[in-house]
Each structure stands twice: as C-alpha cells, then as structure tokens.
Amino acid sequence: MRLELRDEAETLRWGASLADGLDRELVFLRGDLGAGKTTLVRGILRGLGHRGAVKSPTYTLLEPYEFGGRSIYHFDFYRIEDPEELSFIGIDELLSDAALKLVEWPERAGGRLPVPDLELVLTIAGEGRLLELVDRR
C-alpha cells in the first residue's frame, strides 16, 4: 500500500492511526535523512497513548518507553559503523523482549536483525512524503 502524506501533521495523524491496529513486534522504518521516520514514530507513540516527549535516538541508539502496560523500543542505527557495535546495547536481549520495536536505519545493522513484521518506507516528494507499507508476515 502507498499513501501520500502532505505534511508533518498528516504524518503524525497517520502514525497515530496506524497505532490502533499495530500488533506487530518488529517494524523497520526506511528513508533518507529528513524523510520523516522519527515523526512517524512520534505519531505511533502518541496513538498508543504516550504523552511525553519523543526524542530521536540518533546518538543514544535506543529510546525505551514504558506506558499503558506496554514496552516500546525506538532504535536509530544511523550512526552505526559496524554491526558489532550493537552488542554494546545488548541487541540480542532487546530483540527477544516482548516489546514493540521500531527501528530506523535497519540496513546499518547488517545481518543482526531478523526479518521485520512490517516495513514503512518514506520517500521525500516535494513538500510531502510518500509512504509505502510492506507487510512481511
């Protein structure tokens, strides 16, 4: 499925609406810098009930969230130079946790990640974005 998202507000709204039926455990977010991956995650988290700040984990690699009896891990592997670096954050243990895992820049993890349940691919299109959903289940 492909969608056209006109602006940031629409990206947030779409992310929130996706959260309603999000029963996936591993979701990859792909797209160039500035394509709206973190904005989409912010919308998903708000749709799930998170009311606090949503920071990009570009420097920390991981921002964990606990609310509503649910664990959510937001990863950003943009700064990963060697997939072995993921061992330092305990990637194998984190992936085995019963949590929703939202992963930006999954291609930087090499072969360390399993096949996702869902891929969200954002492409810059003028002032807006194109969003493609790829169901891997």
N, C-alpha and C. Protein backbone atom coordinates (compact mmCIF):
# COMPACT_ATOMS: atom_id res chain seq x y z
N MET A 1 0.84 -1.17 0.00
CA MET A 1 0.00 0.00 0.00
C MET A 1 0.89 1.24 0.00
N ARG A 2 0.49 2.25 -0.76
CA ARG A 2 1.22 3.53 -0.80
C ARG A 2 0.27 4.66 -0.44
N LEU A 3 0.77 5.59 0.35
CA LEU A 3 -0.01 6.75 0.78
C LEU A 3 0.77 8.02 0.50
N GLU A 4 0.06 9.09 0.26
CA GLU A 4 0.70 10.40 0.13
C GLU A 4 0.42 11.18 1.41
N LEU A 5 1.49 11.66 2.04
CA LEU A 5 1.39 12.45 3.27
C LEU A 5 1.82 13.87 2.93
N ARG A 6 0.91 14.81 3.06
CA ARG A 6 1.18 16.18 2.60
C ARG A 6 2.15 16.96 3.49
N ASP A 7 2.14 16.66 4.80
CA ASP A 7 2.96 17.46 5.72
C ASP A 7 3.20 16.70 7.02
N GLU A 8 3.89 17.36 7.94
CA GLU A 8 4.22 16.72 9.22
C GLU A 8 2.97 16.35 10.00
N ALA A 9 1.98 17.22 10.01
CA ALA A 9 0.74 16.95 10.75
C ALA A 9 0.06 15.69 10.22
N GLU A 10 0.05 15.53 8.91
CA GLU A 10 -0.57 14.35 8.34
C GLU A 10 0.25 13.09 8.65
N THR A 11 1.56 13.22 8.70
CA THR A 11 2.43 12.10 9.07
C THR A 11 2.15 11.68 10.51
N LEU A 12 2.01 12.66 11.41
CA LEU A 12 1.68 12.35 12.80
C LEU A 12 0.31 11.68 12.91
N ARG A 13 -0.67 12.21 12.19
CA ARG A 13 -2.02 11.62 12.23
C ARG A 13 -2.02 10.19 11.70
N TRP A 14 -1.29 9.97 10.59
CA TRP A 14 -1.25 8.63 10.03
C TRP A 14 -0.56 7.66 10.97
N GLY A 15 0.55 8.10 11.60
CA GLY A 15 1.23 7.26 12.58
C GLY A 15 0.30 6.89 13.73
N ALA A 16 -0.46 7.86 14.23
CA ALA A 16 -1.40 7.59 15.31
C ALA A 16 -2.47 6.61 14.88
N SER A 17 -2.95 6.73 13.66
CA SER A 17 -3.99 5.80 13.18
C SER A 17 -3.41 4.40 12.98
N LEU A 18 -2.16 4.31 12.59
CA LEU A 18 -1.50 3.01 12.44
C LEU A 18 -1.41 2.31 13.79
N ALA A 19 -1.19 3.07 14.84
CA ALA A 19 -1.02 2.51 16.18
C ALA A 19 -2.26 1.73 16.63
N ASP A 20 -3.44 2.14 16.18
CA ASP A 20 -4.68 1.48 16.61
C ASP A 20 -4.65 -0.02 16.36
N GLY A 21 -4.14 -0.44 15.22
CA GLY A 21 -4.13 -1.86 14.90
C GLY A 21 -2.74 -2.46 14.85
N LEU A 22 -1.77 -1.79 15.44
CA LEU A 22 -0.39 -2.25 15.35
C LEU A 22 -0.16 -3.42 16.31
N ASP A 23 -0.22 -4.61 15.76
CA ASP A 23 0.02 -5.81 16.56
C ASP A 23 1.35 -6.45 16.17
N ARG A 24 2.17 -5.70 15.49
CA ARG A 24 3.47 -6.21 15.04
C ARG A 24 4.48 -6.07 16.16
N GLU A 25 5.52 -6.87 16.08
CA GLU A 25 6.56 -6.77 17.10
C GLU A 25 7.80 -6.05 16.58
N LEU A 26 8.11 -6.19 15.29
CA LEU A 26 9.31 -5.59 14.74
C LEU A 26 8.94 -4.81 13.48
N VAL A 27 9.17 -3.50 13.53
CA VAL A 27 8.82 -2.61 12.42
C VAL A 27 10.07 -1.84 12.00
N PHE A 28 10.41 -1.93 10.72
CA PHE A 28 11.52 -1.17 10.17
C PHE A 28 10.97 0.10 9.55
N LEU A 29 11.71 1.21 9.74
CA LEU A 29 11.39 2.48 9.11
C LEU A 29 12.58 2.84 8.23
N ARG A 30 12.31 2.97 6.95
CA ARG A 30 13.37 3.27 5.98
C ARG A 30 13.09 4.61 5.31
N GLY A 31 14.16 5.28 4.92
CA GLY A 31 14.03 6.55 4.21
C GLY A 31 15.27 7.39 4.42
N ASP A 32 15.45 8.36 3.53
CA ASP A 32 16.60 9.25 3.62
C ASP A 32 16.51 10.14 4.86
N LEU A 33 17.60 10.83 5.17
CA LEU A 33 17.59 11.83 6.24
C LEU A 33 16.48 12.83 5.96
N GLY A 34 15.72 13.15 6.98
CA GLY A 34 14.66 14.14 6.82
C GLY A 34 13.39 13.63 6.18
N ALA A 35 13.30 12.32 5.97
CA ALA A 35 12.11 11.77 5.31
C ALA A 35 10.91 11.69 6.25
N GLY A 36 11.12 11.76 7.56
CA GLY A 36 10.00 11.75 8.49
C GLY A 36 9.87 10.49 9.33
N LYS A 37 10.94 9.72 9.44
CA LYS A 37 10.87 8.47 10.20
C LYS A 37 10.56 8.72 11.68
N THR A 38 11.28 9.64 12.29
CA THR A 38 11.04 9.94 13.71
C THR A 38 9.67 10.58 13.90
N THR A 39 9.24 11.39 12.97
CA THR A 39 7.90 11.97 13.05
C THR A 39 6.84 10.88 13.03
N LEU A 40 7.03 9.90 12.18
CA LEU A 40 6.09 8.78 12.10
C LEU A 40 6.09 8.00 13.42
N VAL A 41 7.27 7.77 14.00
CA VAL A 41 7.35 7.10 15.29
C VAL A 41 6.63 7.93 16.36
N ARG A 42 6.82 9.23 16.34
CA ARG A 42 6.14 10.12 17.30
C ARG A 42 4.62 9.94 17.19
N GLY A 43 4.11 9.87 15.97
CA GLY A 43 2.69 9.65 15.77
C GLY A 43 2.24 8.31 16.30
N ILE A 44 3.03 7.26 16.04
CA ILE A 44 2.69 5.92 16.54
C ILE A 44 2.63 5.93 18.07
N LEU A 45 3.65 6.52 18.70
CA LEU A 45 3.69 6.55 20.16
C LEU A 45 2.52 7.34 20.73
N ARG A 46 2.19 8.45 20.13
CA ARG A 46 1.03 9.23 20.60
C ARG A 46 -0.26 8.44 20.41
N GLY A 47 -0.35 7.72 19.30
CA GLY A 47 -1.53 6.89 19.06
C GLY A 47 -1.67 5.77 20.06
N LEU A 48 -0.56 5.32 20.62
CA LEU A 48 -0.58 4.27 21.63
C LEU A 48 -0.82 4.82 23.04
N GLY A 49 -0.80 6.17 23.17
CA GLY A 49 -1.10 6.78 24.45
C GLY A 49 0.03 7.53 25.12
N HIS A 50 1.20 7.59 24.51
CA HIS A 50 2.33 8.31 25.09
C HIS A 50 2.09 9.82 24.98
N ARG A 51 2.25 10.53 26.08
CA ARG A 51 2.02 11.98 26.08
C ARG A 51 3.28 12.80 26.30
N GLY A 52 4.39 12.15 26.56
CA GLY A 52 5.64 12.87 26.81
C GLY A 52 6.40 13.17 25.53
N ALA A 53 7.61 13.64 25.71
CA ALA A 53 8.48 13.96 24.58
C ALA A 53 8.91 12.68 23.87
N VAL A 54 9.17 12.82 22.59
CA VAL A 54 9.71 11.72 21.78
C VAL A 54 10.99 12.23 21.16
N LYS A 55 12.11 11.75 21.69
CA LYS A 55 13.42 12.19 21.20
C LYS A 55 13.93 11.22 20.15
N SER A 56 14.67 11.74 19.21
CA SER A 56 15.33 10.88 18.24
C SER A 56 16.50 10.19 18.93
N PRO A 57 16.60 8.86 18.80
CA PRO A 57 17.72 8.15 19.42
C PRO A 57 18.97 8.09 18.54
N THR A 58 19.19 9.11 17.72
CA THR A 58 20.34 9.11 16.82
C THR A 58 21.65 8.94 17.56
N TYR A 59 21.80 9.57 18.72
CA TYR A 59 23.07 9.48 19.46
C TYR A 59 23.06 8.39 20.52
N THR A 60 21.89 8.05 21.03
CA THR A 60 21.80 7.05 22.09
C THR A 60 21.53 5.64 21.54
N LEU A 61 21.14 5.53 20.29
CA LEU A 61 20.77 4.30 19.60
C LEU A 61 19.42 3.74 20.04
N LEU A 62 18.99 4.02 21.26
CA LEU A 62 17.76 3.45 21.77
C LEU A 62 17.07 4.43 22.72
N GLU A 63 15.79 4.61 22.52
CA GLU A 63 14.93 5.32 23.48
C GLU A 63 13.84 4.34 23.88
N PRO A 64 13.86 3.87 25.13
CA PRO A 64 12.81 2.94 25.58
C PRO A 64 11.62 3.72 26.16
N TYR A 65 10.44 3.16 25.99
CA TYR A 65 9.21 3.75 26.53
C TYR A 65 8.43 2.66 27.24
N GLU A 66 7.87 3.00 28.38
CA GLU A 66 7.02 2.10 29.16
C GLU A 66 5.78 2.90 29.52
N PHE A 67 4.64 2.48 29.02
CA PHE A 67 3.38 3.12 29.39
C PHE A 67 2.23 2.20 28.98
N GLY A 68 1.13 2.33 29.67
CA GLY A 68 -0.04 1.53 29.36
C GLY A 68 0.21 0.03 29.42
N GLY A 69 1.15 -0.40 30.29
CA GLY A 69 1.46 -1.81 30.41
C GLY A 69 2.20 -2.38 29.22
N ARG A 70 2.82 -1.51 28.45
CA ARG A 70 3.49 -1.94 27.22
C ARG A 70 4.91 -1.38 27.17
N SER A 71 5.82 -2.16 26.58
CA SER A 71 7.20 -1.71 26.34
C SER A 71 7.38 -1.44 24.85
N ILE A 72 8.02 -0.32 24.56
CA ILE A 72 8.30 0.05 23.18
C ILE A 72 9.74 0.52 23.11
N TYR A 73 10.48 -0.01 22.13
CA TYR A 73 11.86 0.38 21.92
C TYR A 73 11.95 1.10 20.57
N HIS A 74 12.48 2.31 20.61
CA HIS A 74 12.70 3.09 19.38
C HIS A 74 14.21 3.12 19.15
N PHE A 75 14.64 2.44 18.11
CA PHE A 75 16.06 2.36 17.75
C PHE A 75 16.35 3.28 16.57
N ASP A 76 17.57 3.79 16.53
CA ASP A 76 18.05 4.55 15.37
C ASP A 76 19.51 4.16 15.17
N PHE A 77 19.78 3.44 14.08
CA PHE A 77 21.12 2.91 13.83
C PHE A 77 21.90 3.74 12.81
N TYR A 78 21.51 4.98 12.60
CA TYR A 78 22.17 5.82 11.60
C TYR A 78 23.68 5.93 11.86
N ARG A 79 24.08 6.04 13.10
CA ARG A 79 25.49 6.26 13.43
C ARG A 79 26.29 4.97 13.60
N ILE A 80 25.68 3.84 13.37
CA ILE A 80 26.38 2.56 13.48
C ILE A 80 27.35 2.42 12.30
N GLU A 81 28.61 2.17 12.60
CA GLU A 81 29.60 1.95 11.55
C GLU A 81 29.89 0.48 11.35
N ASP A 82 29.73 -0.29 12.42
CA ASP A 82 29.98 -1.73 12.37
C ASP A 82 28.84 -2.40 13.14
N PRO A 83 28.14 -3.34 12.53
CA PRO A 83 27.02 -4.00 13.22
C PRO A 83 27.38 -4.61 14.57
N GLU A 84 28.65 -4.93 14.78
CA GLU A 84 29.06 -5.48 16.08
C GLU A 84 28.87 -4.47 17.21
N GLU A 85 28.80 -3.18 16.89
CA GLU A 85 28.56 -2.16 17.90
C GLU A 85 27.24 -2.39 18.63
N LEU A 86 26.31 -3.08 17.97
CA LEU A 86 25.00 -3.33 18.57
C LEU A 86 25.10 -4.25 19.78
N SER A 87 26.18 -4.99 19.88
CA SER A 87 26.38 -5.84 21.05
C SER A 87 26.48 -5.00 22.32
N PHE A 88 27.00 -3.78 22.21
CA PHE A 88 27.18 -2.92 23.37
C PHE A 88 25.85 -2.50 23.99
N ILE A 89 24.78 -2.49 23.19
CA ILE A 89 23.47 -2.13 23.75
C ILE A 89 22.65 -3.39 24.07
N GLY A 90 23.23 -4.55 23.88
CA GLY A 90 22.53 -5.80 24.18
C GLY A 90 21.42 -6.09 23.20
N ILE A 91 21.71 -5.93 21.91
CA ILE A 91 20.68 -6.05 20.88
C ILE A 91 19.96 -7.39 20.91
N ASP A 92 20.69 -8.48 21.14
CA ASP A 92 20.05 -9.80 21.13
C ASP A 92 18.99 -9.92 22.24
N GLU A 93 19.32 -9.43 23.42
CA GLU A 93 18.36 -9.47 24.53
C GLU A 93 17.18 -8.55 24.25
N LEU A 94 17.45 -7.36 23.74
CA LEU A 94 16.37 -6.41 23.44
C LEU A 94 15.42 -6.97 22.38
N LEU A 95 15.98 -7.63 21.38
CA LEU A 95 15.12 -8.20 20.32
C LEU A 95 14.27 -9.34 20.84
N SER A 96 14.72 -10.02 21.89
CA SER A 96 13.94 -11.13 22.42
C SER A 96 12.87 -10.67 23.41
N ASP A 97 12.93 -9.41 23.86
CA ASP A 97 11.92 -8.87 24.77
C ASP A 97 10.55 -8.81 24.10
N ALA A 98 9.52 -8.95 24.90
CA ALA A 98 8.14 -8.80 24.42
C ALA A 98 7.84 -7.31 24.37
N ALA A 99 8.30 -6.66 23.32
CA ALA A 99 8.13 -5.21 23.16
C ALA A 99 7.92 -4.91 21.69
N LEU A 100 7.25 -3.80 21.43
CA LEU A 100 7.18 -3.29 20.07
C LEU A 100 8.53 -2.63 19.79
N LYS A 101 9.16 -3.02 18.69
CA LYS A 101 10.47 -2.48 18.33
C LYS A 101 10.35 -1.72 17.02
N LEU A 102 10.62 -0.42 17.07
CA LEU A 102 10.57 0.46 15.91
C LEU A 102 12.01 0.81 15.56
N VAL A 103 12.46 0.44 14.36
CA VAL A 103 13.88 0.53 14.02
C VAL A 103 14.10 1.43 12.81
N GLU A 104 14.77 2.57 13.05
CA GLU A 104 15.19 3.44 11.96
C GLU A 104 16.57 3.00 11.50
N TRP A 105 16.83 3.09 10.22
CA TRP A 105 18.10 2.73 9.61
C TRP A 105 18.47 1.26 9.87
N PRO A 106 17.55 0.32 9.67
CA PRO A 106 17.86 -1.09 9.95
C PRO A 106 18.97 -1.66 9.08
N GLU A 107 19.17 -1.08 7.90
CA GLU A 107 20.22 -1.59 7.00
C GLU A 107 21.61 -1.44 7.60
N ARG A 108 21.78 -0.55 8.57
CA ARG A 108 23.09 -0.35 9.20
C ARG A 108 23.42 -1.46 10.20
N ALA A 109 22.44 -2.30 10.50
CA ALA A 109 22.65 -3.37 11.47
C ALA A 109 23.19 -4.64 10.82
N GLY A 110 23.44 -4.60 9.52
CA GLY A 110 23.95 -5.78 8.84
C GLY A 110 22.97 -6.93 8.98
N GLY A 111 23.43 -8.09 9.29
CA GLY A 111 22.57 -9.25 9.45
C GLY A 111 22.14 -9.49 10.89
N ARG A 112 22.26 -8.49 11.75
CA ARG A 112 21.96 -8.66 13.19
C ARG A 112 20.47 -8.66 13.50
N LEU A 113 19.64 -8.24 12.56
CA LEU A 113 18.20 -8.14 12.82
C LEU A 113 17.44 -9.22 12.06
N PRO A 114 16.38 -9.73 12.66
CA PRO A 114 15.53 -10.68 11.93
C PRO A 114 14.68 -9.94 10.89
N VAL A 115 13.96 -10.69 10.08
CA VAL A 115 13.05 -10.10 9.10
C VAL A 115 11.94 -9.39 9.88
N PRO A 116 11.61 -8.16 9.51
CA PRO A 116 10.57 -7.43 10.24
C PRO A 116 9.18 -7.95 9.91
N ASP A 117 8.24 -7.63 10.76
CA ASP A 117 6.84 -7.92 10.50
C ASP A 117 6.27 -6.92 9.50
N LEU A 118 6.77 -5.69 9.58
CA LEU A 118 6.27 -4.60 8.74
C LEU A 118 7.41 -3.65 8.42
N GLU A 119 7.44 -3.15 7.18
CA GLU A 119 8.39 -2.10 6.80
C GLU A 119 7.61 -0.87 6.37
N LEU A 120 8.03 0.28 6.86
CA LEU A 120 7.45 1.56 6.47
C LEU A 120 8.55 2.32 5.74
N VAL A 121 8.33 2.60 4.47
CA VAL A 121 9.34 3.26 3.64
C VAL A 121 8.84 4.65 3.29
N LEU A 122 9.58 5.66 3.73
CA LEU A 122 9.23 7.06 3.47
C LEU A 122 10.14 7.63 2.39
N THR A 123 9.53 8.32 1.44
CA THR A 123 10.27 8.96 0.36
C THR A 123 9.85 10.42 0.29
N ILE A 124 10.82 11.31 0.20
CA ILE A 124 10.52 12.74 0.08
C ILE A 124 9.95 12.99 -1.30
N ALA A 125 8.81 13.69 -1.33
CA ALA A 125 8.14 14.01 -2.60
C ALA A 125 7.68 15.47 -2.54
N GLY A 126 8.57 16.38 -2.97
CA GLY A 126 8.25 17.80 -2.89
C GLY A 126 8.17 18.22 -1.44
N GLU A 127 7.05 18.86 -1.07
CA GLU A 127 6.84 19.28 0.32
C GLU A 127 6.31 18.13 1.19
N GLY A 128 5.84 17.08 0.57
CA GLY A 128 5.24 15.97 1.30
C GLY A 128 6.11 14.73 1.28
N ARG A 129 5.48 13.62 1.59
CA ARG A 129 6.16 12.34 1.64
C ARG A 129 5.27 11.28 1.03
N LEU A 130 5.91 10.27 0.47
CA LEU A 130 5.20 9.07 0.06
C LEU A 130 5.54 8.01 1.09
N LEU A 131 4.53 7.27 1.53
CA LEU A 131 4.73 6.21 2.50
C LEU A 131 4.28 4.91 1.88
N GLU A 132 5.18 3.93 1.89
CA GLU A 132 4.86 2.61 1.41
C GLU A 132 4.89 1.64 2.58
N LEU A 133 3.85 0.83 2.72
CA LEU A 133 3.77 -0.20 3.76
C LEU A 133 4.03 -1.54 3.12
N VAL A 134 4.98 -2.26 3.69
CA VAL A 134 5.32 -3.58 3.17
C VAL A 134 5.13 -4.58 4.31
N ASP A 135 4.10 -5.40 4.21
CA ASP A 135 3.80 -6.40 5.24
C ASP A 135 4.66 -7.62 4.99
N ARG A 136 5.46 -8.02 5.96
CA ARG A 136 6.40 -9.14 5.82
C ARG A 136 5.91 -10.40 6.52
N ARG A 137 4.73 -10.33 7.16
CA ARG A 137 4.23 -11.53 7.86
C ARG A 137 3.65 -12.52 6.90
